[in-house]
Amino acid sequence: MEELSSIPLPLWILLGLILITQGSWMFYDAKKRGEHPWIWGFFGLLNTPTNLIIYLVVTRIIKKVRTCPSCGNKTDVQGSYCSHCGEKLR
């Protein structure tokens, strides 16, 4: 416990501001993208920068798919049309 008390107060304040900023940004970005904003915002308050990297990988790099109602094939969530049959998606 002695190690934690030796860390200066301004460093604790800076860490708190970074975590609040990160959590807020993740909340608003997740809300804009249709993710679960409260879960991601809380997750962003726990750790930095690991949780931010996890958020970016999950929401940007991992391609999300859905099933086309016309042909039943998997297609990209962000696309307006099915990549297999060309049907307009809702």
PDB file of N, CA and C in Angstrom:
ATOM      1  N   MET A   1       0.820  -1.192   0.000  1.00  0.00           N
ATOM      2  CA  MET A   1       0.000   0.000   0.000  1.00  0.00           C
ATOM      3  C   MET A   1       0.861   1.252   0.000  1.00  0.00           C
ATOM      4  N   GLU A   2       2.055   1.117   0.485  1.00  0.00           N
ATOM      5  CA  GLU A   2       2.955   2.256   0.546  1.00  0.00           C
ATOM      6  C   GLU A   2       3.320   2.768  -0.848  1.00  0.00           C
ATOM      7  N   GLU A   3       3.360   1.866  -1.851  1.00  0.00           N
ATOM      8  CA  GLU A   3       3.709   2.259  -3.213  1.00  0.00           C
ATOM      9  C   GLU A   3       2.657   3.205  -3.793  1.00  0.00           C
ATOM     10  N   LEU A   4       1.375   2.943  -3.498  1.00  0.00           N
ATOM     11  CA  LEU A   4       0.312   3.794  -4.017  1.00  0.00           C
ATOM     12  C   LEU A   4       0.329   5.179  -3.400  1.00  0.00           C
ATOM     13  N   SER A   5       0.690   5.285  -2.138  1.00  0.00           N
ATOM     14  CA  SER A   5       0.714   6.589  -1.481  1.00  0.00           C
ATOM     15  C   SER A   5       1.908   7.424  -1.927  1.00  0.00           C
ATOM     16  N   SER A   6       2.891   6.802  -2.539  1.00  0.00           N
ATOM     17  CA  SER A   6       4.051   7.563  -3.000  1.00  0.00           C
ATOM     18  C   SER A   6       3.822   8.205  -4.370  1.00  0.00           C
ATOM     19  N   ILE A   7       2.711   7.867  -5.034  1.00  0.00           N
ATOM     20  CA  ILE A   7       2.392   8.472  -6.329  1.00  0.00           C
ATOM     21  C   ILE A   7       1.811   9.862  -6.076  1.00  0.00           C
ATOM     22  N   PRO A   8       2.342  10.890  -6.762  1.00  0.00           N
ATOM     23  CA  PRO A   8       1.872  12.263  -6.513  1.00  0.00           C
ATOM     24  C   PRO A   8       0.411  12.470  -6.938  1.00  0.00           C
ATOM     25  N   LEU A   9      -0.254  13.366  -6.234  1.00  0.00           N
ATOM     26  CA  LEU A   9      -1.664  13.667  -6.474  1.00  0.00           C
ATOM     27  C   LEU A   9      -1.946  14.134  -7.903  1.00  0.00           C
ATOM     28  N   PRO A  10      -1.120  15.004  -8.501  1.00  0.00           N
ATOM     29  CA  PRO A  10      -1.401  15.414  -9.888  1.00  0.00           C
ATOM     30  C   PRO A  10      -1.428  14.239 -10.866  1.00  0.00           C
ATOM     31  N   LEU A  11      -0.643  13.230 -10.622  1.00  0.00           N
ATOM     32  CA  LEU A  11      -0.646  12.053 -11.486  1.00  0.00           C
ATOM     33  C   LEU A  11      -1.958  11.288 -11.354  1.00  0.00           C
ATOM     34  N   TRP A  12      -2.503  11.192 -10.127  1.00  0.00           N
ATOM     35  CA  TRP A  12      -3.800  10.550  -9.913  1.00  0.00           C
ATOM     36  C   TRP A  12      -4.907  11.335 -10.615  1.00  0.00           C
ATOM     37  N   ILE A  13      -4.836  12.666 -10.542  1.00  0.00           N
ATOM     38  CA  ILE A  13      -5.836  13.511 -11.194  1.00  0.00           C
ATOM     39  C   ILE A  13      -5.763  13.346 -12.703  1.00  0.00           C
ATOM     40  N   LEU A  14      -4.550  13.314 -13.253  1.00  0.00           N
ATOM     41  CA  LEU A  14      -4.373  13.111 -14.689  1.00  0.00           C
ATOM     42  C   LEU A  14      -4.931  11.761 -15.127  1.00  0.00           C
ATOM     43  N   LEU A  15      -4.656  10.726 -14.371  1.00  0.00           N
ATOM     44  CA  LEU A  15      -5.173   9.393 -14.688  1.00  0.00           C
ATOM     45  C   LEU A  15      -6.707   9.395 -14.664  1.00  0.00           C
ATOM     46  N   GLY A  16      -7.297  10.048 -13.671  1.00  0.00           N
ATOM     47  CA  GLY A  16      -8.756  10.134 -13.590  1.00  0.00           C
ATOM     48  C   GLY A  16      -9.349  10.871 -14.782  1.00  0.00           C
ATOM     49  N   LEU A  17      -8.723  11.963 -15.191  1.00  0.00           N
ATOM     50  CA  LEU A  17      -9.207  12.715 -16.356  1.00  0.00           C
ATOM     51  C   LEU A  17      -9.090  11.889 -17.639  1.00  0.00           C
ATOM     52  N   ILE A  18      -8.012  11.153 -17.782  1.00  0.00           N
ATOM     53  CA  ILE A  18      -7.840  10.299 -18.961  1.00  0.00           C
ATOM     54  C   ILE A  18      -8.924   9.230 -19.001  1.00  0.00           C
ATOM     55  N   LEU A  19      -9.195   8.597 -17.862  1.00  0.00           N
ATOM     56  CA  LEU A  19     -10.214   7.550 -17.817  1.00  0.00           C
ATOM     57  C   LEU A  19     -11.612   8.108 -18.092  1.00  0.00           C
ATOM     58  N   ILE A  20     -11.934   9.254 -17.540  1.00  0.00           N
ATOM     59  CA  ILE A  20     -13.248   9.863 -17.778  1.00  0.00           C
ATOM     60  C   ILE A  20     -13.399  10.264 -19.238  1.00  0.00           C
ATOM     61  N   THR A  21     -12.345  10.830 -19.824  1.00  0.00           N
ATOM     62  CA  THR A  21     -12.377  11.202 -21.239  1.00  0.00           C
ATOM     63  C   THR A  21     -12.544   9.970 -22.113  1.00  0.00           C
ATOM     64  N   GLN A  22     -11.782   8.933 -21.816  1.00  0.00           N
ATOM     65  CA  GLN A  22     -11.862   7.694 -22.597  1.00  0.00           C
ATOM     66  C   GLN A  22     -13.243   7.062 -22.493  1.00  0.00           C
ATOM     67  N   GLY A  23     -13.782   6.975 -21.287  1.00  0.00           N
ATOM     68  CA  GLY A  23     -15.108   6.396 -21.088  1.00  0.00           C
ATOM     69  C   GLY A  23     -16.197   7.199 -21.785  1.00  0.00           C
ATOM     70  N   SER A  24     -16.096   8.525 -21.718  1.00  0.00           N
ATOM     71  CA  SER A  24     -17.084   9.385 -22.378  1.00  0.00           C
ATOM     72  C   SER A  24     -17.027   9.233 -23.888  1.00  0.00           C
ATOM     73  N   TRP A  25     -15.819   9.228 -24.442  1.00  0.00           N
ATOM     74  CA  TRP A  25     -15.683   9.078 -25.886  1.00  0.00           C
ATOM     75  C   TRP A  25     -16.217   7.726 -26.346  1.00  0.00           C
ATOM     76  N   MET A  26     -15.897   6.666 -25.595  1.00  0.00           N
ATOM     77  CA  MET A  26     -16.389   5.334 -25.956  1.00  0.00           C
ATOM     78  C   MET A  26     -17.913   5.282 -25.870  1.00  0.00           C
ATOM     79  N   PHE A  27     -18.499   5.930 -24.860  1.00  0.00           N
ATOM     80  CA  PHE A  27     -19.956   5.978 -24.719  1.00  0.00           C
ATOM     81  C   PHE A  27     -20.593   6.635 -25.934  1.00  0.00           C
ATOM     82  N   TYR A  28     -20.137   7.840 -26.289  1.00  0.00           N
ATOM     83  CA  TYR A  28     -20.747   8.562 -27.405  1.00  0.00           C
ATOM     84  C   TYR A  28     -20.489   7.888 -28.744  1.00  0.00           C
ATOM     85  N   ASP A  29     -19.312   7.303 -28.925  1.00  0.00           N
ATOM     86  CA  ASP A  29     -19.021   6.603 -30.169  1.00  0.00           C
ATOM     87  C   ASP A  29     -19.871   5.339 -30.294  1.00  0.00           C
ATOM     88  N   ALA A  30     -20.013   4.604 -29.194  1.00  0.00           N
ATOM     89  CA  ALA A  30     -20.845   3.391 -29.222  1.00  0.00           C
ATOM     90  C   ALA A  30     -22.308   3.757 -29.481  1.00  0.00           C
ATOM     91  N   LYS A  31     -22.769   4.851 -28.910  1.00  0.00           N
ATOM     92  CA  LYS A  31     -24.145   5.297 -29.137  1.00  0.00           C
ATOM     93  C   LYS A  31     -24.353   5.645 -30.604  1.00  0.00           C
ATOM     94  N   LYS A  32     -23.377   6.318 -31.204  1.00  0.00           N
ATOM     95  CA  LYS A  32     -23.462   6.692 -32.610  1.00  0.00           C
ATOM     96  C   LYS A  32     -23.451   5.464 -33.524  1.00  0.00           C
ATOM     97  N   ARG A  33     -22.736   4.425 -33.146  1.00  0.00           N
ATOM     98  CA  ARG A  33     -22.600   3.230 -33.963  1.00  0.00           C
ATOM     99  C   ARG A  33     -23.679   2.177 -33.683  1.00  0.00           C
ATOM    100  N   GLY A  34     -24.555   2.434 -32.726  1.00  0.00           N
ATOM    101  CA  GLY A  34     -25.617   1.480 -32.421  1.00  0.00           C
ATOM    102  C   GLY A  34     -25.151   0.312 -31.558  1.00  0.00           C
ATOM    103  N   GLU A  35     -24.049   0.502 -30.847  1.00  0.00           N
ATOM    104  CA  GLU A  35     -23.553  -0.524 -29.922  1.00  0.00           C
ATOM    105  C   GLU A  35     -24.251  -0.314 -28.572  1.00  0.00           C
ATOM    106  N   HIS A  36     -23.765  -0.942 -27.547  1.00  0.00           N
ATOM    107  CA  HIS A  36     -24.307  -0.781 -26.194  1.00  0.00           C
ATOM    108  C   HIS A  36     -23.516   0.317 -25.482  1.00  0.00           C
ATOM    109  N   PRO A  37     -23.993   1.568 -25.498  1.00  0.00           N
ATOM    110  CA  PRO A  37     -23.174   2.680 -25.005  1.00  0.00           C
ATOM    111  C   PRO A  37     -22.847   2.624 -23.523  1.00  0.00           C
ATOM    112  N   TRP A  38     -23.796   2.200 -22.680  1.00  0.00           N
ATOM    113  CA  TRP A  38     -23.522   2.186 -21.241  1.00  0.00           C
ATOM    114  C   TRP A  38     -22.476   1.142 -20.885  1.00  0.00           C
ATOM    115  N   ILE A  39     -22.533   0.008 -21.540  1.00  0.00           N
ATOM    116  CA  ILE A  39     -21.547  -1.042 -21.264  1.00  0.00           C
ATOM    117  C   ILE A  39     -20.164  -0.588 -21.704  1.00  0.00           C
ATOM    118  N   TRP A  40     -20.067  -0.044 -22.928  1.00  0.00           N
ATOM    119  CA  TRP A  40     -18.763   0.394 -23.422  1.00  0.00           C
ATOM    120  C   TRP A  40     -18.239   1.588 -22.633  1.00  0.00           C
ATOM    121  N   GLY A  41     -19.118   2.504 -22.245  1.00  0.00           N
ATOM    122  CA  GLY A  41     -18.679   3.657 -21.453  1.00  0.00           C
ATOM    123  C   GLY A  41     -18.126   3.239 -20.106  1.00  0.00           C
ATOM    124  N   PHE A  42     -18.810   2.330 -19.442  1.00  0.00           N
ATOM    125  CA  PHE A  42     -18.313   1.826 -18.156  1.00  0.00           C
ATOM    126  C   PHE A  42     -17.006   1.067 -18.348  1.00  0.00           C
ATOM    127  N   PHE A  43     -16.923   0.266 -19.395  1.00  0.00           N
ATOM    128  CA  PHE A  43     -15.709  -0.486 -19.713  1.00  0.00           C
ATOM    129  C   PHE A  43     -14.528   0.459 -19.932  1.00  0.00           C
ATOM    130  N   GLY A  44     -14.795   1.626 -20.523  1.00  0.00           N
ATOM    131  CA  GLY A  44     -13.743   2.604 -20.756  1.00  0.00           C
ATOM    132  C   GLY A  44     -13.226   3.258 -19.490  1.00  0.00           C
ATOM    133  N   LEU A  45     -14.003   3.216 -18.416  1.00  0.00           N
ATOM    134  CA  LEU A  45     -13.563   3.807 -17.149  1.00  0.00           C
ATOM    135  C   LEU A  45     -12.635   2.898 -16.350  1.00  0.00           C
ATOM    136  N   LEU A  46     -12.523   1.653 -16.753  1.00  0.00           N
ATOM    137  CA  LEU A  46     -11.788   0.690 -15.954  1.00  0.00           C
ATOM    138  C   LEU A  46     -10.285   0.678 -16.183  1.00  0.00           C
ATOM    139  N   ASN A  47      -9.840   0.917 -17.399  1.00  0.00           N
ATOM    140  CA  ASN A  47      -8.426   0.753 -17.708  1.00  0.00           C
ATOM    141  C   ASN A  47      -8.095   1.569 -18.947  1.00  0.00           C
ATOM    142  N   THR A  48      -6.872   1.996 -19.043  1.00  0.00           N
ATOM    143  CA  THR A  48      -6.415   2.683 -20.245  1.00  0.00           C
ATOM    144  C   THR A  48      -5.026   2.198 -20.608  1.00  0.00           C
ATOM    145  N   PRO A  49      -4.632   2.060 -21.817  1.00  0.00           N
ATOM    146  CA  PRO A  49      -5.360   2.148 -23.065  1.00  0.00           C
ATOM    147  C   PRO A  49      -5.894   0.806 -23.535  1.00  0.00           C
ATOM    148  N   THR A  50      -5.718  -0.238 -22.748  1.00  0.00           N
ATOM    149  CA  THR A  50      -6.118  -1.581 -23.179  1.00  0.00           C
ATOM    150  C   THR A  50      -7.588  -1.652 -23.564  1.00  0.00           C
ATOM    151  N   ASN A  51      -8.470  -1.097 -22.756  1.00  0.00           N
ATOM    152  CA  ASN A  51      -9.899  -1.171 -23.048  1.00  0.00           C
ATOM    153  C   ASN A  51     -10.263  -0.370 -24.292  1.00  0.00           C
ATOM    154  N   LEU A  52      -9.560   0.706 -24.550  1.00  0.00           N
ATOM    155  CA  LEU A  52      -9.799   1.479 -25.766  1.00  0.00           C
ATOM    156  C   LEU A  52      -9.396   0.660 -26.992  1.00  0.00           C
ATOM    157  N   ILE A  53      -8.283  -0.031 -26.908  1.00  0.00           N
ATOM    158  CA  ILE A  53      -7.838  -0.885 -28.015  1.00  0.00           C
ATOM    159  C   ILE A  53      -8.846  -2.007 -28.252  1.00  0.00           C
ATOM    160  N   ILE A  54      -9.336  -2.627 -27.193  1.00  0.00           N
ATOM    161  CA  ILE A  54     -10.340  -3.690 -27.325  1.00  0.00           C
ATOM    162  C   ILE A  54     -11.596  -3.142 -27.983  1.00  0.00           C
ATOM    163  N   TYR A  55     -12.041  -1.963 -27.558  1.00  0.00           N
ATOM    164  CA  TYR A  55     -13.233  -1.343 -28.147  1.00  0.00           C
ATOM    165  C   TYR A  55     -13.044  -1.110 -29.643  1.00  0.00           C
ATOM    166  N   LEU A  56     -11.901  -0.559 -30.021  1.00  0.00           N
ATOM    167  CA  LEU A  56     -11.655  -0.270 -31.437  1.00  0.00           C
ATOM    168  C   LEU A  56     -11.586  -1.546 -32.266  1.00  0.00           C
ATOM    169  N   VAL A  57     -10.994  -2.591 -31.720  1.00  0.00           N
ATOM    170  CA  VAL A  57     -10.929  -3.866 -32.449  1.00  0.00           C
ATOM    171  C   VAL A  57     -12.326  -4.443 -32.634  1.00  0.00           C
ATOM    172  N   VAL A  58     -13.111  -4.457 -31.576  1.00  0.00           N
ATOM    173  CA  VAL A  58     -14.434  -5.067 -31.635  1.00  0.00           C
ATOM    174  C   VAL A  58     -15.379  -4.280 -32.548  1.00  0.00           C
ATOM    175  N   THR A  59     -15.348  -2.965 -32.482  1.00  0.00           N
ATOM    176  CA  THR A  59     -16.314  -2.172 -33.238  1.00  0.00           C
ATOM    177  C   THR A  59     -15.868  -1.806 -34.647  1.00  0.00           C
ATOM    178  N   ARG A  60     -14.588  -1.906 -34.931  1.00  0.00           N
ATOM    179  CA  ARG A  60     -14.118  -1.476 -36.248  1.00  0.00           C
ATOM    180  C   ARG A  60     -13.475  -2.578 -37.076  1.00  0.00           C
ATOM    181  N   ILE A  61     -12.690  -3.422 -36.465  1.00  0.00           N
ATOM    182  CA  ILE A  61     -11.925  -4.398 -37.229  1.00  0.00           C
ATOM    183  C   ILE A  61     -12.718  -5.688 -37.454  1.00  0.00           C
ATOM    184  N   ILE A  62     -13.380  -6.174 -36.418  1.00  0.00           N
ATOM    185  CA  ILE A  62     -14.169  -7.397 -36.565  1.00  0.00           C
ATOM    186  C   ILE A  62     -15.399  -7.053 -37.397  1.00  0.00           C
ATOM    187  N   LYS A  63     -15.501  -7.693 -38.556  1.00  0.00           N
ATOM    188  CA  LYS A  63     -16.587  -7.386 -39.479  1.00  0.00           C
ATOM    189  C   LYS A  63     -17.885  -7.997 -38.959  1.00  0.00           C
ATOM    190  N   LYS A  64     -18.896  -7.187 -38.845  1.00  0.00           N
ATOM    191  CA  LYS A  64     -20.186  -7.653 -38.361  1.00  0.00           C
ATOM    192  C   LYS A  64     -21.052  -8.061 -39.544  1.00  0.00           C
ATOM    193  N   VAL A  65     -21.751  -9.154 -39.365  1.00  0.00           N
ATOM    194  CA  VAL A  65     -22.592  -9.671 -40.446  1.00  0.00           C
ATOM    195  C   VAL A  65     -24.015  -9.886 -39.945  1.00  0.00           C
ATOM    196  N   ARG A  66     -24.941  -9.914 -40.892  1.00  0.00           N
ATOM    197  CA  ARG A  66     -26.336 -10.255 -40.601  1.00  0.00           C
ATOM    198  C   ARG A  66     -26.845 -11.145 -41.724  1.00  0.00           C
ATOM    199  N   THR A  67     -27.972 -11.745 -41.519  1.00  0.00           N
ATOM    200  CA  THR A  67     -28.550 -12.633 -42.515  1.00  0.00           C
ATOM    201  C   THR A  67     -29.495 -11.850 -43.416  1.00  0.00           C
ATOM    202  N   CYS A  68     -29.347 -12.040 -44.713  1.00  0.00           N
ATOM    203  CA  CYS A  68     -30.215 -11.389 -45.683  1.00  0.00           C
ATOM    204  C   CYS A  68     -31.593 -12.048 -45.622  1.00  0.00           C
ATOM    205  N   PRO A  69     -32.675 -11.261 -45.529  1.00  0.00           N
ATOM    206  CA  PRO A  69     -34.012 -11.846 -45.464  1.00  0.00           C
ATOM    207  C   PRO A  69     -34.447 -12.513 -46.774  1.00  0.00           C
ATOM    208  N   SER A  70     -33.850 -12.116 -47.896  1.00  0.00           N
ATOM    209  CA  SER A  70     -34.246 -12.690 -49.188  1.00  0.00           C
ATOM    210  C   SER A  70     -33.567 -14.022 -49.477  1.00  0.00           C
ATOM    211  N   CYS A  71     -32.224 -14.041 -49.406  1.00  0.00           N
ATOM    212  CA  CYS A  71     -31.501 -15.246 -49.811  1.00  0.00           C
ATOM    213  C   CYS A  71     -30.971 -16.062 -48.636  1.00  0.00           C
ATOM    214  N   GLY A  72     -30.918 -15.476 -47.428  1.00  0.00           N
ATOM    215  CA  GLY A  72     -30.467 -16.211 -46.261  1.00  0.00           C
ATOM    216  C   GLY A  72     -28.956 -16.255 -46.089  1.00  0.00           C
ATOM    217  N   ASN A  73     -28.205 -15.625 -46.978  1.00  0.00           N
ATOM    218  CA  ASN A  73     -26.743 -15.591 -46.857  1.00  0.00           C
ATOM    219  C   ASN A  73     -26.309 -14.502 -45.889  1.00  0.00           C
ATOM    220  N   LYS A  74     -25.125 -14.642 -45.341  1.00  0.00           N
ATOM    221  CA  LYS A  74     -24.557 -13.638 -44.444  1.00  0.00           C
ATOM    222  C   LYS A  74     -24.019 -12.483 -45.272  1.00  0.00           C
ATOM    223  N   THR A  75     -24.305 -11.258 -44.821  1.00  0.00           N
ATOM    224  CA  THR A  75     -23.834 -10.070 -45.510  1.00  0.00           C
ATOM    225  C   THR A  75     -23.411  -9.030 -44.482  1.00  0.00           C
ATOM    226  N   ASP A  76     -22.664  -8.027 -44.907  1.00  0.00           N
ATOM    227  CA  ASP A  76     -22.138  -6.991 -44.024  1.00  0.00           C
ATOM    228  C   ASP A  76     -23.270  -6.164 -43.423  1.00  0.00           C
ATOM    229  N   VAL A  77     -23.165  -5.870 -42.128  1.00  0.00           N
ATOM    230  CA  VAL A  77     -24.196  -5.102 -41.427  1.00  0.00           C
ATOM    231  C   VAL A  77     -24.271  -3.678 -41.962  1.00  0.00           C
ATOM    232  N   GLN A  78     -23.155  -3.083 -42.310  1.00  0.00           N
ATOM    233  CA  GLN A  78     -23.143  -1.685 -42.702  1.00  0.00           C
ATOM    234  C   GLN A  78     -23.559  -1.466 -44.160  1.00  0.00           C
ATOM    235  N   GLY A  79     -23.660  -2.529 -44.925  1.00  0.00           N
ATOM    236  CA  GLY A  79     -24.038  -2.391 -46.326  1.00  0.00           C
ATOM    237  C   GLY A  79     -25.524  -2.130 -46.492  1.00  0.00           C
ATOM    238  N   SER A  80     -25.877  -1.437 -47.575  1.00  0.00           N
ATOM    239  CA  SER A  80     -27.281  -1.155 -47.862  1.00  0.00           C
ATOM    240  C   SER A  80     -27.921  -2.260 -48.693  1.00  0.00           C
ATOM    241  N   TYR A  81     -27.070  -3.043 -49.378  1.00  0.00           N
ATOM    242  CA  TYR A  81     -27.549  -4.111 -50.244  1.00  0.00           C
ATOM    243  C   TYR A  81     -26.844  -5.412 -49.889  1.00  0.00           C
ATOM    244  N   CYS A  82     -27.530  -6.523 -50.111  1.00  0.00           N
ATOM    245  CA  CYS A  82     -26.947  -7.849 -49.890  1.00  0.00           C
ATOM    246  C   CYS A  82     -25.821  -8.066 -50.896  1.00  0.00           C
ATOM    247  N   SER A  83     -24.685  -8.563 -50.443  1.00  0.00           N
ATOM    248  CA  SER A  83     -23.551  -8.783 -51.339  1.00  0.00           C
ATOM    249  C   SER A  83     -23.744 -10.022 -52.212  1.00  0.00           C
ATOM    250  N   HIS A  84     -24.765 -10.842 -51.934  1.00  0.00           N
ATOM    251  CA  HIS A  84     -24.996 -12.062 -52.703  1.00  0.00           C
ATOM    252  C   HIS A  84     -26.113 -11.901 -53.744  1.00  0.00           C
ATOM    253  N   CYS A  85     -27.263 -11.385 -53.291  1.00  0.00           N
ATOM    254  CA  CYS A  85     -28.411 -11.306 -54.212  1.00  0.00           C
ATOM    255  C   CYS A  85     -28.713  -9.880 -54.666  1.00  0.00           C
ATOM    256  N   GLY A  86     -28.132  -8.874 -54.003  1.00  0.00           N
ATOM    257  CA  GLY A  86     -28.353  -7.488 -54.395  1.00  0.00           C
ATOM    258  C   GLY A  86     -29.627  -6.868 -53.835  1.00  0.00           C
ATOM    259  N   GLU A  87     -30.335  -7.590 -52.994  1.00  0.00           N
ATOM    260  CA  GLU A  87     -31.584  -7.084 -52.389  1.00  0.00           C
ATOM    261  C   GLU A  87     -31.274  -5.929 -51.434  1.00  0.00           C
ATOM    262  N   LYS A  88     -32.122  -4.875 -51.472  1.00  0.00           N
ATOM    263  CA  LYS A  88     -31.946  -3.748 -50.562  1.00  0.00           C
ATOM    264  C   LYS A  88     -32.275  -4.198 -49.146  1.00  0.00           C
ATOM    265  N   LEU A  89     -31.377  -3.876 -48.200  1.00  0.00           N
ATOM    266  CA  LEU A  89     -31.550  -4.263 -46.801  1.00  0.00           C
ATOM    267  C   LEU A  89     -32.148  -3.122 -46.018  1.00  0.00           C
ATOM    268  N   ARG A  90     -32.920  -3.453 -44.983  1.00  0.00           N
ATOM    269  CA  ARG A  90     -33.520  -2.427 -44.128  1.00  0.00           C
ATOM    270  C   ARG A  90     -32.511  -1.890 -43.177  1.00  0.00           C
TER     271      ARG A  90
END
